[in-house]
Protein backbone atom coordinates (compact mmCIF):
# COMPACT_ATOMS: atom_id res chain seq x y z
CA MET A 1 0.00 0.05 0.02
CA THR A 2 1.40 3.39 -1.01
CA THR A 3 1.95 5.76 1.95
CA ASP A 4 1.88 9.55 1.84
CA LEU A 5 5.66 9.46 2.31
CA ASP A 6 6.15 7.27 -0.78
CA THR A 7 3.94 9.59 -2.75
CA SER A 8 5.85 12.60 -1.61
CA ILE A 9 9.19 10.99 -2.49
CA LYS A 10 7.84 10.00 -5.90
CA ASN A 11 6.52 13.53 -6.57
CA GLN A 12 9.93 15.04 -5.52
CA GLU A 13 11.69 12.58 -7.93
CA LEU A 14 9.31 13.52 -10.75
CA ALA A 15 9.87 17.26 -10.00
CA ARG A 16 13.69 16.74 -10.13
CA GLN A 17 13.31 14.85 -13.41
CA ASP A 18 11.12 17.64 -14.83
CA LEU A 19 13.59 20.31 -13.80
CA SER A 20 16.51 18.39 -15.28
CA CYS A 21 14.57 17.92 -18.54
CA LEU A 22 13.57 21.62 -18.65
CA TYR A 23 17.18 22.63 -18.00
CA GLU A 24 18.34 20.54 -21.01
CA ILE A 25 15.56 21.94 -23.23
CA THR A 26 16.34 25.54 -22.19
CA LYS A 27 20.02 25.03 -23.02
CA ILE A 28 19.12 23.68 -26.47
CA LEU A 29 16.72 26.45 -27.39
CA ALA A 30 18.88 29.25 -26.01
CA ALA A 31 22.03 28.18 -27.85
CA GLY A 32 20.42 27.11 -31.15
CA THR A 33 20.26 29.27 -34.25
CA ASP A 34 18.77 26.62 -36.54
CA LEU A 35 15.16 26.33 -35.30
CA GLN A 36 14.38 22.91 -36.89
CA GLU A 37 17.50 21.37 -35.50
CA SER A 38 16.77 22.74 -32.08
CA LEU A 39 13.23 21.40 -32.05
CA ASN A 40 14.49 17.98 -33.26
CA ARG A 41 16.81 17.87 -30.25
CA VAL A 42 13.98 18.98 -27.94
CA VAL A 43 11.65 16.12 -28.99
CA ARG A 44 14.52 13.63 -28.64
CA VAL A 45 15.17 14.82 -25.03
CA LEU A 46 11.39 14.36 -24.30
CA ALA A 47 11.59 10.80 -25.55
CA ASP A 48 14.77 10.00 -23.63
CA MET A 49 14.08 11.73 -20.31
CA LYS A 50 10.26 11.70 -20.10
CA LYS A 51 9.35 8.68 -22.26
CA MET A 52 7.19 10.93 -24.39
CA GLU A 53 7.23 9.22 -27.77
CA ASN A 54 6.45 10.60 -31.22
CA GLY A 55 7.09 14.23 -30.14
CA THR A 56 5.75 16.49 -32.87
CA VAL A 57 5.79 20.24 -33.40
CA THR A 58 3.39 21.65 -35.91
CA ILE A 59 3.54 25.29 -37.13
CA VAL A 60 0.90 27.35 -39.00
CA ASN A 61 2.03 27.99 -42.57
CA PRO A 62 1.38 31.77 -43.23
CA LEU A 63 0.63 31.16 -46.91
CA THR A 64 -1.71 28.12 -46.77
CA ARG A 65 -3.07 28.78 -43.28
CA GLU A 66 -2.59 25.04 -42.61
CA LEU A 67 -0.81 23.31 -39.80
CA GLU A 68 2.32 21.57 -41.03
CA ILE A 69 4.73 19.32 -39.17
CA GLU A 70 7.94 21.16 -38.49
CA VAL A 71 9.72 18.29 -36.71
CA ALA A 72 8.54 14.81 -35.60
CA CYS A 73 10.38 12.11 -33.67
CA GLY A 74 9.81 8.50 -34.67
CA ILE A 75 7.74 9.35 -37.74
CA THR A 76 8.77 8.74 -41.31
CA ALA A 77 9.27 11.58 -43.80
CA THR A 78 6.29 10.31 -45.82
CA ALA A 79 4.11 10.41 -42.72
CA GLN A 80 5.36 13.92 -41.93
CA LYS A 81 4.20 15.14 -45.37
CA LYS A 82 0.75 13.67 -44.68
CA GLY A 83 0.56 15.44 -41.32
CA LYS A 84 -1.23 18.61 -42.43
CA TYR A 85 -4.33 19.96 -40.67
CA LYS A 86 -6.64 22.88 -41.22
CA LEU A 87 -7.38 25.13 -38.29
CA GLY A 88 -10.04 23.41 -36.20
CA GLU A 89 -9.51 20.08 -37.96
CA GLY A 90 -8.70 17.04 -35.75
CA ILE A 91 -7.26 17.32 -32.25
CA THR A 92 -4.22 19.31 -33.34
CA GLY A 93 -6.18 21.78 -35.39
CA ARG A 94 -8.65 22.18 -32.52
CA VAL A 95 -5.88 22.89 -30.00
CA VAL A 96 -4.37 25.60 -32.26
CA SER A 97 -7.82 27.10 -33.01
CA THR A 98 -9.02 27.23 -29.39
CA GLY A 99 -5.66 27.76 -27.68
CA GLU A 100 -6.64 25.07 -25.13
CA PRO A 101 -4.66 21.82 -24.49
CA VAL A 102 -6.16 18.42 -25.00
CA ILE A 103 -5.47 14.97 -23.36
CA VAL A 104 -6.74 11.83 -25.19
CA PRO A 105 -6.64 8.90 -22.69
CA ARG A 106 -6.46 6.26 -25.41
CA ILE A 107 -5.52 7.07 -29.02
CA GLY A 108 -7.29 4.01 -30.41
CA GLU A 109 -10.63 5.05 -28.83
CA GLU A 110 -10.72 8.72 -29.88
CA PRO A 111 -12.82 9.30 -33.02
CA LEU A 112 -11.37 12.87 -33.46
CA PHE A 113 -7.91 11.45 -33.78
CA LEU A 114 -7.27 11.65 -37.60
CA ASN A 115 -4.21 9.38 -37.60
CA ARG A 116 -2.60 11.25 -40.53
CA THR A 117 0.89 10.14 -39.36
CA GLY A 118 -0.15 6.53 -38.85
CA ILE A 119 0.42 6.31 -35.02
CA ARG A 120 -2.84 4.40 -34.50
CA ASN A 121 -1.69 1.60 -36.83
CA ASP A 122 0.59 0.28 -34.05
CA GLU A 123 -1.31 -1.79 -31.45
CA LYS A 124 0.82 -0.57 -28.59
CA LYS A 125 0.36 3.03 -29.67
CA LYS A 126 -3.43 2.58 -29.69
CA LYS A 127 -3.28 2.14 -25.95
CA SER A 128 -1.05 5.25 -25.48
CA SER A 129 -2.37 8.62 -24.34
CA PHE A 130 -2.04 11.68 -26.61
CA ILE A 131 -1.19 15.09 -25.14
CA CYS A 132 -1.32 18.20 -27.23
CA VAL A 133 -0.67 21.76 -26.07
CA PRO A 134 -0.71 25.03 -28.02
CA ILE A 135 2.45 27.02 -28.77
CA LYS A 136 1.44 30.67 -28.07
CA VAL A 137 3.08 34.03 -28.53
CA THR A 138 1.69 37.24 -27.17
CA PHE A 139 0.34 39.87 -29.59
CA GLU A 140 2.73 42.45 -28.23
CA SER A 141 5.79 40.26 -29.18
CA SER A 142 4.49 38.94 -32.43
CA LYS A 143 4.14 40.77 -35.71
CA GLN A 144 2.38 37.88 -37.33
CA LYS A 145 -1.29 38.74 -36.80
CA ILE A 146 -2.47 37.35 -40.04
CA PHE A 147 -4.24 34.40 -38.46
CA THR A 148 -6.25 36.30 -35.84
CA GLN A 149 -9.48 36.06 -37.84
CA ASP A 150 -9.26 32.28 -37.70
CA LEU A 151 -8.52 31.90 -34.00
CA HIS A 152 -10.81 32.03 -31.00
CA ASN A 153 -8.13 32.98 -28.43
CA ARG A 154 -7.71 36.57 -29.70
CA SER A 155 -7.77 38.41 -26.39
CA ASP A 156 -4.29 37.77 -25.14
CA ASN A 157 -2.33 35.14 -27.10
CA LEU A 158 -1.87 33.94 -30.61
CA SER A 159 -1.37 30.18 -31.23
CA ILE A 160 1.22 29.69 -33.92
CA GLY A 161 1.36 25.93 -33.65
CA ALA A 162 1.17 22.91 -31.26
CA LEU A 163 3.43 20.46 -29.38
CA SER A 164 2.08 16.92 -29.11
CA VAL A 165 3.48 13.67 -27.60
CA ALA A 166 2.31 10.08 -27.15
CA ARG A 167 2.74 8.58 -23.65
CA TYR A 168 1.97 5.16 -22.28
CA TYR A 169 0.70 5.12 -18.69
CA GLU A 170 0.57 1.81 -16.79
CA ASN A 171 -1.55 3.31 -14.01
CA GLU A 172 -2.29 6.69 -12.33
CA PHE A 173 -3.36 8.15 -15.68
CA GLY A 174 -5.19 11.11 -14.21
CA LEU A 175 -2.49 12.50 -11.83
CA GLN A 176 0.46 11.65 -14.05
CA SER A 177 -1.15 12.99 -17.23
CA GLU A 178 -2.07 16.36 -15.52
CA GLN A 179 1.54 16.75 -14.39
CA ASP A 180 2.78 15.95 -17.89
CA LEU A 181 0.26 18.48 -19.32
CA ARG A 182 1.60 21.25 -17.07
CA PHE A 183 5.17 20.17 -17.95
CA LEU A 184 4.47 20.32 -21.72
CA THR A 185 2.80 23.77 -21.36
CA ILE A 186 6.07 25.08 -19.93
CA VAL A 187 8.03 23.46 -22.81
CA SER A 188 5.65 24.94 -25.32
CA ALA A 189 6.16 28.45 -23.84
CA LEU A 190 9.94 27.95 -24.20
CA ILE A 191 9.49 26.86 -27.75
CA ALA A 192 7.34 29.90 -28.45
CA GLN A 193 10.08 32.21 -27.08
CA ALA A 194 12.72 30.44 -29.27
CA VAL A 195 10.45 30.67 -32.35
CA HIS A 196 9.99 34.43 -31.72
CA ARG A 197 13.75 34.96 -31.09
CA VAL A 198 14.72 33.16 -34.34
CA GLN A 199 12.03 35.06 -36.27
CA VAL A 200 13.50 38.39 -34.97
CA ILE A 201 17.03 37.19 -35.87
CA ASN A 202 15.87 36.20 -39.36
CA ARG A 203 14.06 39.58 -39.85
CA GLU A 204 17.27 41.42 -38.79
CA LYS A 205 19.37 39.23 -41.09
CA GLU A 206 17.02 39.92 -43.95
CA ALA A 207 17.08 43.65 -43.25
CA LEU A 208 20.85 43.59 -43.12
CA GLN A 209 21.10 41.64 -46.35
CA GLN A 210 18.73 44.10 -48.08
CA GLU A 211 20.81 47.08 -46.68
CA ASN A 212 24.01 45.37 -47.82
CA GLN A 213 22.50 44.89 -51.36
CA ARG A 214 21.40 48.46 -51.38
CA LEU A 215 24.87 49.73 -50.47
CA ARG A 216 26.45 47.42 -53.01
CA ARG A 217 24.12 48.88 -55.75
CA GLU A 218 24.99 52.44 -54.66
CA LEU A 219 28.69 51.72 -54.70
CA SER A 220 28.42 50.10 -58.09
CA ALA A 221 26.35 53.00 -59.38
CA LYS A 222 29.03 55.42 -58.17
CA ASN A 223 31.54 53.97 -60.67
CA ARG A 224 34.46 54.03 -58.35
CA LEU A 225 37.89 54.35 -60.09
CA SER A 226 38.76 50.77 -59.00
CA ASP A 227 35.70 49.62 -61.09
CA ILE A 228 37.15 50.90 -64.43
CA ILE A 229 38.41 47.85 -66.30
CA GLY A 230 42.00 47.92 -67.54
CA ASN A 231 45.34 46.42 -66.89
CA SER A 232 47.28 47.86 -69.86
CA SER A 233 50.16 50.30 -69.32
CA ARG A 234 48.16 53.04 -71.03
CA MET A 235 45.29 52.64 -68.56
CA GLN A 236 47.66 52.47 -65.62
CA GLU A 237 48.84 55.87 -66.65
CA VAL A 238 45.22 57.11 -66.65
CA PHE A 239 44.65 55.59 -63.16
CA GLU A 240 47.79 57.27 -61.86
CA MET A 241 46.75 60.70 -63.16
CA ALA A 242 43.20 60.30 -61.96
CA HIS A 243 44.30 59.29 -58.43
CA ARG A 244 46.60 62.30 -58.25
CA VAL A 245 43.84 64.83 -59.15
CA ALA A 246 40.72 63.15 -57.69
CA ASP A 247 40.82 64.87 -54.32
CA SER A 248 41.73 68.33 -55.51
CA ASN A 249 39.63 71.15 -56.83
CA ALA A 250 41.57 71.49 -60.05
CA THR A 251 39.69 71.67 -63.31
CA VAL A 252 40.19 68.41 -65.28
CA LEU A 253 40.01 68.13 -69.10
CA LEU A 254 39.36 64.57 -70.23
CA ARG A 255 40.46 64.00 -73.80
CA GLY A 256 40.07 61.07 -76.12
CA GLU A 257 38.00 59.61 -78.91
CA SER A 258 34.27 59.02 -78.59
CA GLY A 259 33.46 55.87 -76.58
CA THR A 260 36.72 55.69 -74.59
CA GLY A 261 34.98 56.10 -71.27
CA LYS A 262 35.39 59.82 -70.44
CA SER A 263 32.02 60.08 -68.58
CA LEU A 264 32.99 56.98 -66.52
CA VAL A 265 36.24 58.62 -65.46
CA ALA A 266 34.38 61.81 -64.66
CA LYS A 267 32.08 59.97 -62.32
CA ALA A 268 35.00 58.19 -60.74
CA LEU A 269 36.79 61.43 -60.15
CA HIS A 270 33.78 62.82 -58.32
CA HIS A 271 33.11 59.73 -56.18
CA ASN A 272 36.73 59.52 -55.09
CA SER A 273 36.85 63.18 -54.05
CA ARG A 274 35.87 65.14 -50.88
CA ARG A 275 32.71 66.20 -52.83
CA ALA A 276 31.43 62.64 -53.15
CA ASP A 277 28.31 63.23 -51.04
CA LYS A 278 27.35 66.31 -53.09
CA PRO A 279 25.67 66.39 -56.53
CA PHE A 280 27.27 65.17 -59.74
CA LEU A 281 25.55 66.83 -62.68
CA VAL A 282 26.20 66.23 -66.38
CA VAL A 283 25.57 68.68 -69.28
CA ASN A 284 26.04 67.49 -72.87
CA CYS A 285 27.12 70.70 -74.58
CA SER A 286 26.53 69.41 -78.10
CA ALA A 287 22.88 68.33 -77.39
CA LEU A 288 21.51 71.87 -76.82
CA PRO A 289 21.36 75.02 -78.96
CA GLU A 290 23.18 78.08 -77.73
CA ASN A 291 20.27 79.91 -76.04
CA LEU A 292 19.08 76.80 -74.19
CA LEU A 293 22.62 75.79 -73.19
CA GLU A 294 23.22 79.21 -71.60
CA SER A 295 19.96 78.86 -69.62
CA GLU A 296 20.79 75.30 -68.70
CA LEU A 297 24.17 76.25 -67.30
CA PHE A 298 23.48 79.56 -65.56
CA GLY A 299 19.66 79.57 -65.11
CA HIS A 300 17.30 82.48 -65.77
CA GLU A 301 14.95 84.88 -64.01
CA LYS A 302 11.23 85.11 -64.73
CA GLY A 303 10.65 87.15 -67.97
CA ALA A 304 14.33 86.91 -69.04
CA PHE A 305 13.15 85.75 -72.45
CA THR A 306 9.93 84.62 -74.18
CA GLY A 307 8.65 81.53 -72.40
CA ALA A 308 10.53 82.15 -69.16
CA GLU A 309 7.45 82.03 -66.97
CA GLN A 310 9.32 81.43 -63.72
CA ARG A 311 12.78 81.51 -62.21
CA LYS A 312 14.97 78.50 -62.97
CA LYS A 313 18.22 77.43 -61.31
CA GLY A 314 21.09 76.51 -63.66
CA ARG A 315 23.39 73.50 -63.41
CA PHE A 316 26.17 75.56 -61.79
CA GLU A 317 23.72 76.47 -59.05
CA LEU A 318 22.24 72.99 -58.67
CA ALA A 319 25.76 71.42 -58.49
CA GLU A 320 26.70 73.58 -55.48
CA GLY A 321 29.49 71.82 -53.47
CA GLY A 322 29.65 69.00 -55.99
CA THR A 323 30.97 68.36 -59.50
CA LEU A 324 29.72 69.66 -62.81
CA PHE A 325 30.72 67.60 -65.85
CA LEU A 326 30.61 69.44 -69.20
CA ASP A 327 30.73 66.80 -71.95
CA GLU A 328 31.64 67.77 -75.50
CA ILE A 329 33.02 71.13 -74.26
CA GLY A 330 34.52 71.73 -77.76
CA GLU A 331 31.07 72.22 -79.24
CA ILE A 332 30.00 75.39 -77.31
CA SER A 333 29.56 78.76 -79.07
CA THR A 334 31.88 81.72 -78.49
CA THR A 335 29.15 83.52 -76.54
CA VAL A 336 28.84 80.69 -74.05
CA GLN A 337 32.62 80.36 -73.99
CA ILE A 338 32.97 83.90 -72.71
CA LYS A 339 30.47 83.45 -69.96
CA LEU A 340 32.02 80.09 -69.03
CA LEU A 341 35.47 81.73 -68.86
CA ASN A 342 34.13 84.32 -66.40
CA VAL A 343 32.65 81.62 -64.11
CA ILE A 344 35.93 79.69 -64.04
CA GLN A 345 37.98 82.89 -63.40
CA GLU A 346 35.72 84.63 -60.89
CA ARG A 347 33.92 81.54 -59.43
CA CYS A 348 30.59 83.43 -59.60
CA PHE A 349 27.93 84.11 -62.24
CA GLN A 350 24.51 85.73 -62.84
CA ARG A 351 21.27 84.09 -64.05
CA LEU A 352 19.97 85.31 -67.44
CA GLY A 353 18.02 88.46 -66.91
CA GLY A 354 19.22 88.78 -63.30
CA THR A 355 21.55 90.98 -61.35
CA GLU A 356 22.21 88.82 -58.32
CA ILE A 357 25.86 87.59 -58.06
CA ILE A 358 25.88 83.86 -57.27
CA LYS A 359 28.92 82.07 -55.92
CA ALA A 360 29.90 78.89 -57.73
CA ASP A 361 31.50 76.37 -55.35
CA ILE A 362 31.84 73.50 -57.82
CA ARG A 363 34.47 71.21 -59.21
CA LEU A 364 34.58 71.45 -63.00
CA VAL A 365 35.37 68.42 -65.26
CA ALA A 366 35.19 68.87 -68.99
CA ALA A 367 35.58 66.42 -71.79
CA THR A 368 36.06 66.58 -75.55
CA ASN A 369 36.91 64.35 -78.49
CA ARG A 370 37.92 67.39 -80.65
CA ASN A 371 41.49 68.66 -81.17
CA LEU A 372 41.16 71.90 -79.20
CA GLU A 373 44.58 73.14 -80.34
CA GLU A 374 43.43 73.10 -83.93
CA ALA A 375 40.18 74.78 -82.91
CA VAL A 376 42.15 77.57 -81.19
CA LEU A 377 44.24 78.04 -84.31
CA GLU A 378 41.10 78.22 -86.46
CA GLY A 379 39.47 80.76 -84.11
CA LEU A 380 36.64 78.37 -83.16
CA PHE A 381 37.75 78.07 -79.48
CA ARG A 382 38.99 80.81 -77.20
CA GLU A 383 42.62 80.44 -76.31
CA ASP A 384 42.22 81.86 -72.75
CA LEU A 385 39.37 79.39 -72.11
CA TYR A 386 41.48 76.51 -73.43
CA TYR A 387 44.23 77.31 -70.95
CA ARG A 388 41.67 77.59 -68.10
CA LEU A 389 40.28 74.18 -68.94
CA ASN A 390 43.60 72.55 -69.71
CA VAL A 391 44.84 72.78 -66.10
CA PHE A 392 45.09 69.00 -65.66
CA PRO A 393 44.52 67.08 -68.90
CA VAL A 394 43.96 63.34 -68.81
CA HIS A 395 44.19 61.47 -72.21
CA LEU A 396 42.09 58.31 -72.51
CA PRO A 397 43.62 55.92 -75.09
CA PRO A 398 41.53 54.39 -77.83
CA LEU A 399 40.83 50.69 -77.47
CA ARG A 400 43.17 49.78 -80.38
CA GLU A 401 46.05 51.09 -78.28
CA ARG A 402 45.20 48.98 -75.24
CA ARG A 403 44.62 45.55 -76.87
CA THR A 404 45.54 43.72 -73.69
CA ASP A 405 42.36 45.15 -72.06
CA ILE A 406 40.00 43.85 -74.82
CA LEU A 407 39.56 40.38 -73.34
CA LEU A 408 39.12 41.86 -69.79
CA LEU A 409 36.41 44.21 -71.03
CA ALA A 410 34.73 41.53 -73.18
CA GLU A 411 34.45 39.16 -70.22
CA TYR A 412 33.18 41.94 -67.97
CA PHE A 413 30.42 42.86 -70.45
CA LEU A 414 29.66 39.14 -70.99
CA GLU A 415 29.06 38.69 -67.29
CA GLN A 416 27.03 41.85 -67.12
CA TYR A 417 24.68 41.02 -70.00
CA CYS A 418 24.31 37.38 -68.98
CA LYS A 419 22.91 38.58 -65.64
CA GLU A 420 20.64 41.06 -67.31
CA ASN A 421 19.27 38.52 -69.71
CA ASN A 422 19.29 35.54 -67.40
CA LYS A 423 21.66 33.54 -69.51
CA ARG A 424 24.48 31.15 -68.65
CA ILE A 425 27.38 31.68 -71.07
CA GLU A 426 30.66 30.48 -69.58
CA ARG A 427 33.35 31.58 -71.98
CA ILE A 428 34.46 33.22 -75.20
CA SER A 429 36.06 30.87 -77.79
CA THR A 430 39.56 31.44 -78.94
CA THR A 431 38.54 32.22 -82.51
CA ALA A 432 36.17 34.86 -81.15
CA ILE A 433 38.94 36.29 -78.98
CA ASP A 434 41.21 36.39 -82.00
CA LEU A 435 38.68 38.48 -83.92
CA LEU A 436 38.10 40.80 -80.97
CA ILE A 437 41.83 41.45 -80.48
CA LYS A 438 42.46 41.96 -84.25
CA TYR A 439 39.58 44.40 -84.82
CA HIS A 440 40.51 48.09 -84.90
CA TRP A 441 37.44 49.24 -82.80
CA PRO A 442 36.66 52.70 -84.27
CA GLY A 443 33.84 53.01 -81.66
CA ASN A 444 36.16 52.07 -78.84
CA VAL A 445 34.82 50.58 -75.58
CA ARG A 446 31.25 51.61 -76.41
CA GLU A 447 31.41 49.60 -79.61
CA LEU A 448 32.86 46.58 -77.72
CA GLN A 449 30.04 46.88 -75.16
CA ASN A 450 27.37 46.84 -77.90
CA CYS A 451 29.15 43.97 -79.60
CA MET A 452 29.07 41.79 -76.46
CA GLU A 453 25.41 42.69 -75.76
CA ARG A 454 24.50 41.52 -79.29
CA ALA A 455 26.57 38.30 -78.86
CA VAL A 456 24.84 37.38 -75.62
CA LEU A 457 21.39 38.01 -77.10
CA ILE A 458 21.93 35.70 -80.12
CA CYS A 459 24.05 33.10 -78.40
CA ASP A 460 22.11 29.83 -77.46
CA SER A 461 25.05 27.83 -76.28
CA ASN A 462 27.48 28.20 -73.33
CA THR A 463 30.20 29.72 -75.48
CA ILE A 464 30.49 32.91 -77.46
CA SER A 465 31.93 31.90 -80.89
CA SER A 466 32.90 33.98 -83.92
CA VAL A 467 29.50 33.59 -85.55
CA HIS A 468 27.95 35.50 -82.65
CA LEU A 469 30.11 38.60 -83.40
CA PRO A 470 28.95 41.35 -85.80
CA PRO A 471 29.80 40.90 -89.50
CA THR A 472 32.04 43.95 -89.27
CA LEU A 473 34.52 42.06 -87.11
CA GLN A 474 34.64 39.17 -89.56
CA SER A 475 35.41 41.14 -92.71
CA SER A 476 38.87 41.48 -94.10
CA ASP A 477 38.69 45.29 -93.81
CA SER A 478 38.13 45.09 -90.08
CA VAL A 479 41.47 43.65 -89.10
CA SER A 480 44.74 45.49 -88.78
CA THR A 481 46.60 43.59 -91.49
CA ASP A 482 46.21 43.81 -95.29
CA SER A 483 48.01 40.63 -96.24
CA PRO A 484 46.31 37.20 -96.44
CA LEU A 485 47.19 34.62 -93.84
CA SER A 486 50.17 32.48 -94.90
CA LEU A 487 50.68 28.82 -93.81
CA SER A 488 53.18 29.90 -91.13
CA GLY A 489 50.80 32.61 -90.02
CA ALA A 490 47.94 30.16 -89.74
CA VAL A 491 50.15 27.84 -87.67
CA GLU A 492 51.16 30.73 -85.40
CA SER A 493 47.50 31.73 -85.03
CA PHE A 494 46.43 28.20 -84.11
CA GLU A 495 49.38 27.93 -81.70
CA ARG A 496 48.48 31.20 -80.12
CA GLU A 497 44.86 30.06 -79.66
CA LEU A 498 46.02 26.93 -77.94
CA ILE A 499 48.21 28.88 -75.52
CA ILE A 500 45.43 31.38 -74.73
CA ASP A 501 42.97 28.57 -74.14
CA ALA A 502 45.43 26.86 -71.78
CA LEU A 503 46.07 30.07 -69.86
CA LYS A 504 42.34 30.62 -69.47
CA HIS A 505 41.89 27.15 -68.03
CA THR A 506 44.83 27.59 -65.60
CA ASN A 507 44.02 31.14 -64.44
CA GLY A 508 47.07 32.55 -66.14
CA ASN A 509 49.54 30.11 -64.53
CA GLN A 510 52.22 29.42 -67.19
CA THR A 511 53.61 26.39 -65.43
CA LYS A 512 50.20 24.71 -65.44
CA ALA A 513 49.56 25.84 -68.96
CA ALA A 514 52.81 24.20 -70.07
CA ALA A 515 51.82 20.96 -68.40
CA ARG A 516 48.38 21.08 -69.97
CA LEU A 517 49.91 21.44 -73.42
CA GLU A 518 52.55 18.80 -72.63
CA THR A 519 55.50 21.08 -73.31
CA SER A 520 58.17 22.85 -71.23
CA LEU A 521 57.85 26.05 -69.32
CA ARG A 522 60.78 27.51 -71.36
CA ILE A 523 58.96 26.95 -74.65
CA ILE A 524 55.68 28.38 -73.31
CA ASN A 525 57.42 31.51 -72.02
CA TYR A 526 59.21 31.88 -75.40
CA LYS A 527 55.91 31.63 -77.32
CA ILE A 528 54.10 33.92 -74.94
CA HIS A 529 56.77 36.60 -75.48
CA ASN A 530 56.79 36.15 -79.26
CA TYR A 531 52.97 36.34 -79.62
CA GLY A 532 52.63 39.27 -77.28
CA ILE A 533 50.32 37.41 -74.89
CA ASP A 534 49.81 38.92 -71.39
CA PRO A 535 49.11 36.00 -68.95
CA LYS A 536 47.86 38.55 -66.36
CA GLN A 537 44.70 39.19 -68.34
CA PHE A 538 43.57 35.61 -67.72
CA LYS A 539 43.73 35.83 -63.98
CA VAL A 540 40.29 35.74 -62.36
CA ARG A 541 39.39 39.12 -60.88
CA SER A 542 38.43 38.87 -57.19
């Protein structure tokens, strides 16, 4: 016969056991960052320490509004997929809907038990009891209120799921099951806290990722100097000059043929200067007639001319503290040249039709593809303005004078347009590379950019080949040689292609390339030198 002392000792032992189990569960949930793995460990602890079999955690899917099994102990993956319940459906659905726990004395005798996971198929499990408790979070701590219209417990808590176990009781079902119910209610509260904590962490991670992507886009849009593609000696000279002048207030004159990237360098100069957080404004001087250009640069007062219905600020005023980029400066009229000279000299100007003196705290960058020296001699460009603009000239070389950069640029544009058009093109064939390098590129980098965009659009394989390039690149007039290819020239061309292909596959490593071609390093080095191949251009950019 059981005495009160025996009962007291047994209750103390159960309490110690519960505390020990709760301690282990608390450690798991507090330390875990992977919610599913943490919950898996929790249900295993319940099975090992409390003999609570088939521990299952179901969570409401925010999209389908159905209860789905998140983790389940002792249940097959197939059974887990079947374990889906609508709110209010079956015992689990009812527990989540009402927010009240449920105890089923015998699984095999309960008609509401849907047996989606197949527990009732086992004869021993039919005699087990089923305990299910809701997992609740308070409205104040949860931002997921999308289910409130489907739940009855709206006043204080929101049920986001349920914790259920199967337990076999030999005797004392009532007392023992009530103690287990209270215990599982505590466990469900711990799980709710862990779910909320992980959700908060995930939201913060997502916010940080979005912020990181935004900053990356901004940095990319700023066209930093380091983002300008080029390893040739001519481009290294441009980088050196640009770095020297970037952080000064000196007027810069960018010179070079159309399409060489003058606007890109102008942006890079601005975003690498102390004025980076101020405006960067562009005016294409050749795109506007004289009267409109003057108004665009200096602004005008109301009534200054026919159609001037209100005051308008000019680009010099709008670019206050920042950089003003005057593209195609060689195309402006002599009238505008005089006013521009005054602004550069005096650092102040007046709006058209106005008398107010406005200070111009701007950094001026100009660009032209014209020969300004000839224009000065012909009287088309003021000599004094030329010297004011030509404080720090930077010459951008045409693409035909920086052939070692052609492959780098082509691969850069290939990657860019593959992303834009959702294509997967892995490489450029050696024959296509040969055509790209031999072509004289009258349109410079802009023409190469258009060429690669066209190639990506019409290419249906994983390799850009010569047939994907424009016909102009494949004509005899497009290459830099007038003589037909001799036998020795054809052999050299084929040999050159083999070496380039090997260098591409070995990331520019000459030793590995020699091994790939089954020849010596000495011969490879000799051929590379003779064919003017730069192994550095095949190194992957990090």
